[in-house]
Amino acid sequence: MDLTQKVTLAFEKSFAAQRIELDANGGISGIVVAPIFRGHESLDRQQMIYAALRQNGLSEDEIREVLMISALTPEEAVGYSVP
């Protein structure tokens, strides 16, 4: 399983994500959309992202390859996509 698949699986398990778009060009970046992010500030969401990666068995080396993930609510994600 490649790193993109591991990250996707972690987000599906941890957040019941409605949408995941990842790009692996030079590191992992993208978006994850889930209702669980409602009511959380940006910093809290980023902490949730990295906690999910650790809880789902990604190594610290793998986590270092995750550069930027935007954690969005379904309402925030309307019309948003990874270029």
N, C-alpha and C. Protein backbone atom coordinates (compact mmCIF):
# COMPACT_ATOMS: atom_id res chain seq x y z
N MET A 1 0.85 -1.17 0.00
CA MET A 1 0.00 0.00 0.00
C MET A 1 0.90 1.23 0.00
N ASP A 2 0.63 2.16 -0.92
CA ASP A 2 1.45 3.37 -0.97
C ASP A 2 0.97 4.39 0.07
N LEU A 3 1.74 5.46 0.25
CA LEU A 3 1.45 6.44 1.28
C LEU A 3 0.11 7.13 1.06
N THR A 4 -0.23 7.46 -0.17
CA THR A 4 -1.52 8.10 -0.45
C THR A 4 -2.67 7.21 0.00
N GLN A 5 -2.55 5.93 -0.25
CA GLN A 5 -3.60 4.98 0.18
C GLN A 5 -3.68 4.90 1.70
N LYS A 6 -2.53 4.92 2.37
CA LYS A 6 -2.52 4.87 3.84
C LYS A 6 -3.19 6.12 4.43
N VAL A 7 -2.88 7.28 3.87
CA VAL A 7 -3.47 8.53 4.36
C VAL A 7 -4.98 8.51 4.12
N THR A 8 -5.39 8.09 2.94
CA THR A 8 -6.81 8.01 2.62
C THR A 8 -7.53 7.09 3.60
N LEU A 9 -6.98 5.94 3.84
CA LEU A 9 -7.60 4.98 4.77
C LEU A 9 -7.68 5.56 6.18
N ALA A 10 -6.64 6.25 6.62
CA ALA A 10 -6.64 6.86 7.96
C ALA A 10 -7.78 7.87 8.08
N PHE A 11 -7.97 8.70 7.05
CA PHE A 11 -9.02 9.71 7.08
C PHE A 11 -10.41 9.08 7.01
N GLU A 12 -10.54 8.02 6.22
CA GLU A 12 -11.83 7.34 6.14
C GLU A 12 -12.21 6.73 7.49
N LYS A 13 -11.24 6.11 8.16
CA LYS A 13 -11.50 5.48 9.45
C LYS A 13 -11.74 6.50 10.55
N SER A 14 -10.93 7.54 10.59
CA SER A 14 -10.99 8.48 11.71
C SER A 14 -12.10 9.51 11.60
N PHE A 15 -12.43 9.90 10.38
CA PHE A 15 -13.36 11.02 10.20
C PHE A 15 -14.64 10.67 9.46
N ALA A 16 -14.77 9.44 8.97
CA ALA A 16 -15.89 9.10 8.10
C ALA A 16 -16.01 10.18 7.01
N ALA A 17 -14.87 10.45 6.39
CA ALA A 17 -14.76 11.55 5.42
C ALA A 17 -15.72 11.37 4.25
N GLN A 18 -16.34 12.47 3.87
CA GLN A 18 -17.25 12.48 2.72
C GLN A 18 -16.48 12.64 1.42
N ARG A 19 -15.33 13.27 1.52
CA ARG A 19 -14.54 13.53 0.31
C ARG A 19 -13.08 13.65 0.71
N ILE A 20 -12.22 13.02 -0.06
CA ILE A 20 -10.78 13.10 0.14
C ILE A 20 -10.14 13.29 -1.23
N GLU A 21 -9.37 14.36 -1.37
CA GLU A 21 -8.63 14.61 -2.60
C GLU A 21 -7.18 14.84 -2.21
N LEU A 22 -6.31 13.96 -2.68
CA LEU A 22 -4.90 14.06 -2.35
C LEU A 22 -4.05 14.12 -3.61
N ASP A 23 -2.96 14.87 -3.50
CA ASP A 23 -1.97 14.96 -4.57
C ASP A 23 -0.63 14.55 -3.98
N ALA A 24 0.07 13.68 -4.64
CA ALA A 24 1.33 13.16 -4.12
C ALA A 24 2.54 13.69 -4.88
N ASN A 25 2.44 14.86 -5.44
CA ASN A 25 3.52 15.46 -6.21
C ASN A 25 4.50 16.16 -5.27
N GLY A 26 5.59 15.50 -4.90
CA GLY A 26 6.58 16.09 -4.01
C GLY A 26 6.21 16.05 -2.55
N GLY A 27 5.24 15.26 -2.19
CA GLY A 27 4.72 15.16 -0.83
C GLY A 27 3.21 15.12 -0.92
N ILE A 28 2.56 14.75 0.15
CA ILE A 28 1.11 14.62 0.15
C ILE A 28 0.47 15.96 0.54
N SER A 29 -0.43 16.43 -0.28
CA SER A 29 -1.23 17.61 0.04
C SER A 29 -2.64 17.36 -0.47
N GLY A 30 -3.59 18.15 0.04
CA GLY A 30 -4.95 17.99 -0.45
C GLY A 30 -5.99 18.43 0.56
N ILE A 31 -7.18 17.85 0.43
CA ILE A 31 -8.29 18.19 1.32
C ILE A 31 -8.95 16.93 1.86
N VAL A 32 -9.54 17.08 3.03
CA VAL A 32 -10.41 16.06 3.60
C VAL A 32 -11.66 16.79 4.08
N VAL A 33 -12.81 16.27 3.71
CA VAL A 33 -14.09 16.91 4.03
C VAL A 33 -14.88 15.98 4.93
N ALA A 34 -15.27 16.51 6.10
CA ALA A 34 -16.04 15.69 7.04
C ALA A 34 -16.81 16.59 8.01
N PRO A 35 -18.01 16.16 8.38
CA PRO A 35 -18.80 16.93 9.34
C PRO A 35 -18.12 17.09 10.70
N ILE A 36 -17.25 16.16 11.05
CA ILE A 36 -16.59 16.20 12.36
C ILE A 36 -15.78 17.49 12.57
N PHE A 37 -15.43 18.19 11.50
CA PHE A 37 -14.64 19.42 11.63
C PHE A 37 -15.48 20.63 12.02
N ARG A 38 -16.80 20.49 11.99
CA ARG A 38 -17.67 21.62 12.38
C ARG A 38 -17.36 22.04 13.82
N GLY A 39 -17.25 23.34 14.03
CA GLY A 39 -17.02 23.87 15.36
C GLY A 39 -15.58 23.86 15.82
N HIS A 40 -14.67 23.38 14.97
CA HIS A 40 -13.25 23.33 15.32
C HIS A 40 -12.49 24.41 14.55
N GLU A 41 -11.58 25.08 15.22
CA GLU A 41 -10.71 26.07 14.59
C GLU A 41 -9.65 25.36 13.75
N SER A 42 -8.98 26.11 12.90
CA SER A 42 -7.97 25.55 11.99
C SER A 42 -6.88 24.75 12.71
N LEU A 43 -6.35 25.29 13.79
CA LEU A 43 -5.29 24.60 14.52
C LEU A 43 -5.80 23.28 15.08
N ASP A 44 -7.01 23.27 15.63
CA ASP A 44 -7.59 22.03 16.15
C ASP A 44 -7.73 20.99 15.03
N ARG A 45 -8.16 21.44 13.87
CA ARG A 45 -8.34 20.53 12.74
C ARG A 45 -7.01 19.91 12.32
N GLN A 46 -5.95 20.72 12.30
CA GLN A 46 -4.63 20.19 11.93
C GLN A 46 -4.15 19.17 12.96
N GLN A 47 -4.42 19.44 14.22
CA GLN A 47 -4.05 18.47 15.26
C GLN A 47 -4.84 17.18 15.08
N MET A 48 -6.09 17.29 14.68
CA MET A 48 -6.92 16.11 14.42
C MET A 48 -6.35 15.29 13.26
N ILE A 49 -5.90 16.00 12.22
CA ILE A 49 -5.31 15.34 11.04
C ILE A 49 -4.10 14.50 11.45
N TYR A 50 -3.16 15.14 12.16
CA TYR A 50 -1.93 14.43 12.52
C TYR A 50 -2.18 13.34 13.56
N ALA A 51 -3.13 13.55 14.44
CA ALA A 51 -3.49 12.49 15.40
C ALA A 51 -4.05 11.28 14.65
N ALA A 52 -4.88 11.52 13.65
CA ALA A 52 -5.46 10.42 12.87
C ALA A 52 -4.37 9.62 12.15
N LEU A 53 -3.38 10.31 11.62
CA LEU A 53 -2.30 9.61 10.93
C LEU A 53 -1.52 8.73 11.90
N ARG A 54 -1.22 9.26 13.08
CA ARG A 54 -0.49 8.48 14.09
C ARG A 54 -1.33 7.29 14.58
N GLN A 55 -2.60 7.55 14.87
CA GLN A 55 -3.47 6.49 15.40
C GLN A 55 -3.68 5.37 14.40
N ASN A 56 -3.49 5.67 13.12
CA ASN A 56 -3.70 4.64 12.09
C ASN A 56 -2.39 4.04 11.60
N GLY A 57 -1.33 4.22 12.40
CA GLY A 57 -0.10 3.46 12.18
C GLY A 57 0.91 4.04 11.21
N LEU A 58 0.75 5.28 10.78
CA LEU A 58 1.77 5.85 9.92
C LEU A 58 3.00 6.18 10.75
N SER A 59 4.16 5.94 10.18
CA SER A 59 5.41 6.22 10.87
C SER A 59 5.68 7.72 10.85
N GLU A 60 6.59 8.17 11.70
CA GLU A 60 6.96 9.59 11.72
C GLU A 60 7.57 10.01 10.38
N ASP A 61 8.32 9.11 9.74
CA ASP A 61 8.88 9.42 8.41
C ASP A 61 7.77 9.61 7.39
N GLU A 62 6.75 8.76 7.44
CA GLU A 62 5.61 8.90 6.52
C GLU A 62 4.85 10.19 6.80
N ILE A 63 4.65 10.49 8.07
CA ILE A 63 3.91 11.70 8.44
C ILE A 63 4.64 12.95 7.97
N ARG A 64 5.97 12.94 7.98
CA ARG A 64 6.75 14.09 7.50
C ARG A 64 6.52 14.35 6.01
N GLU A 65 6.06 13.35 5.28
CA GLU A 65 5.77 13.52 3.86
C GLU A 65 4.40 14.14 3.60
N VAL A 66 3.60 14.25 4.65
CA VAL A 66 2.27 14.89 4.55
C VAL A 66 2.50 16.38 4.78
N LEU A 67 2.43 17.16 3.70
CA LEU A 67 2.81 18.56 3.75
C LEU A 67 1.68 19.47 4.20
N MET A 68 0.54 19.40 3.54
CA MET A 68 -0.57 20.29 3.85
C MET A 68 -1.89 19.62 3.51
N ILE A 69 -2.72 19.46 4.51
CA ILE A 69 -4.06 18.92 4.31
C ILE A 69 -5.05 19.96 4.83
N SER A 70 -5.94 20.41 3.98
CA SER A 70 -7.00 21.32 4.42
C SER A 70 -8.17 20.48 4.92
N ALA A 71 -8.53 20.70 6.17
CA ALA A 71 -9.64 19.98 6.78
C ALA A 71 -10.87 20.88 6.72
N LEU A 72 -11.87 20.46 5.96
CA LEU A 72 -13.03 21.30 5.69
C LEU A 72 -14.33 20.62 6.12
N THR A 73 -15.31 21.46 6.47
CA THR A 73 -16.66 20.94 6.68
C THR A 73 -17.31 20.81 5.30
N PRO A 74 -18.39 20.06 5.19
CA PRO A 74 -19.08 19.96 3.89
C PRO A 74 -19.49 21.33 3.35
N GLU A 75 -19.91 22.23 4.23
CA GLU A 75 -20.33 23.56 3.78
C GLU A 75 -19.15 24.37 3.23
N GLU A 76 -17.99 24.25 3.86
CA GLU A 76 -16.80 24.97 3.41
C GLU A 76 -16.27 24.42 2.09
N ALA A 77 -16.54 23.16 1.82
CA ALA A 77 -15.95 22.49 0.67
C ALA A 77 -16.71 22.69 -0.64
N VAL A 78 -17.87 23.31 -0.59
CA VAL A 78 -18.65 23.52 -1.80
C VAL A 78 -17.81 24.30 -2.81
N GLY A 79 -17.62 23.70 -3.97
CA GLY A 79 -16.87 24.35 -5.03
C GLY A 79 -15.36 24.33 -4.86
N TYR A 80 -14.85 23.65 -3.86
CA TYR A 80 -13.42 23.61 -3.57
C TYR A 80 -12.84 22.32 -4.13
N SER A 81 -11.70 22.43 -4.80
CA SER A 81 -11.01 21.21 -5.26
C SER A 81 -9.52 21.44 -5.29
N VAL A 82 -8.79 20.36 -5.31
CA VAL A 82 -7.33 20.41 -5.38
C VAL A 82 -6.95 20.68 -6.83
N PRO A 83 -6.13 21.71 -7.08
CA PRO A 83 -5.74 22.02 -8.48
C PRO A 83 -4.96 20.89 -9.11
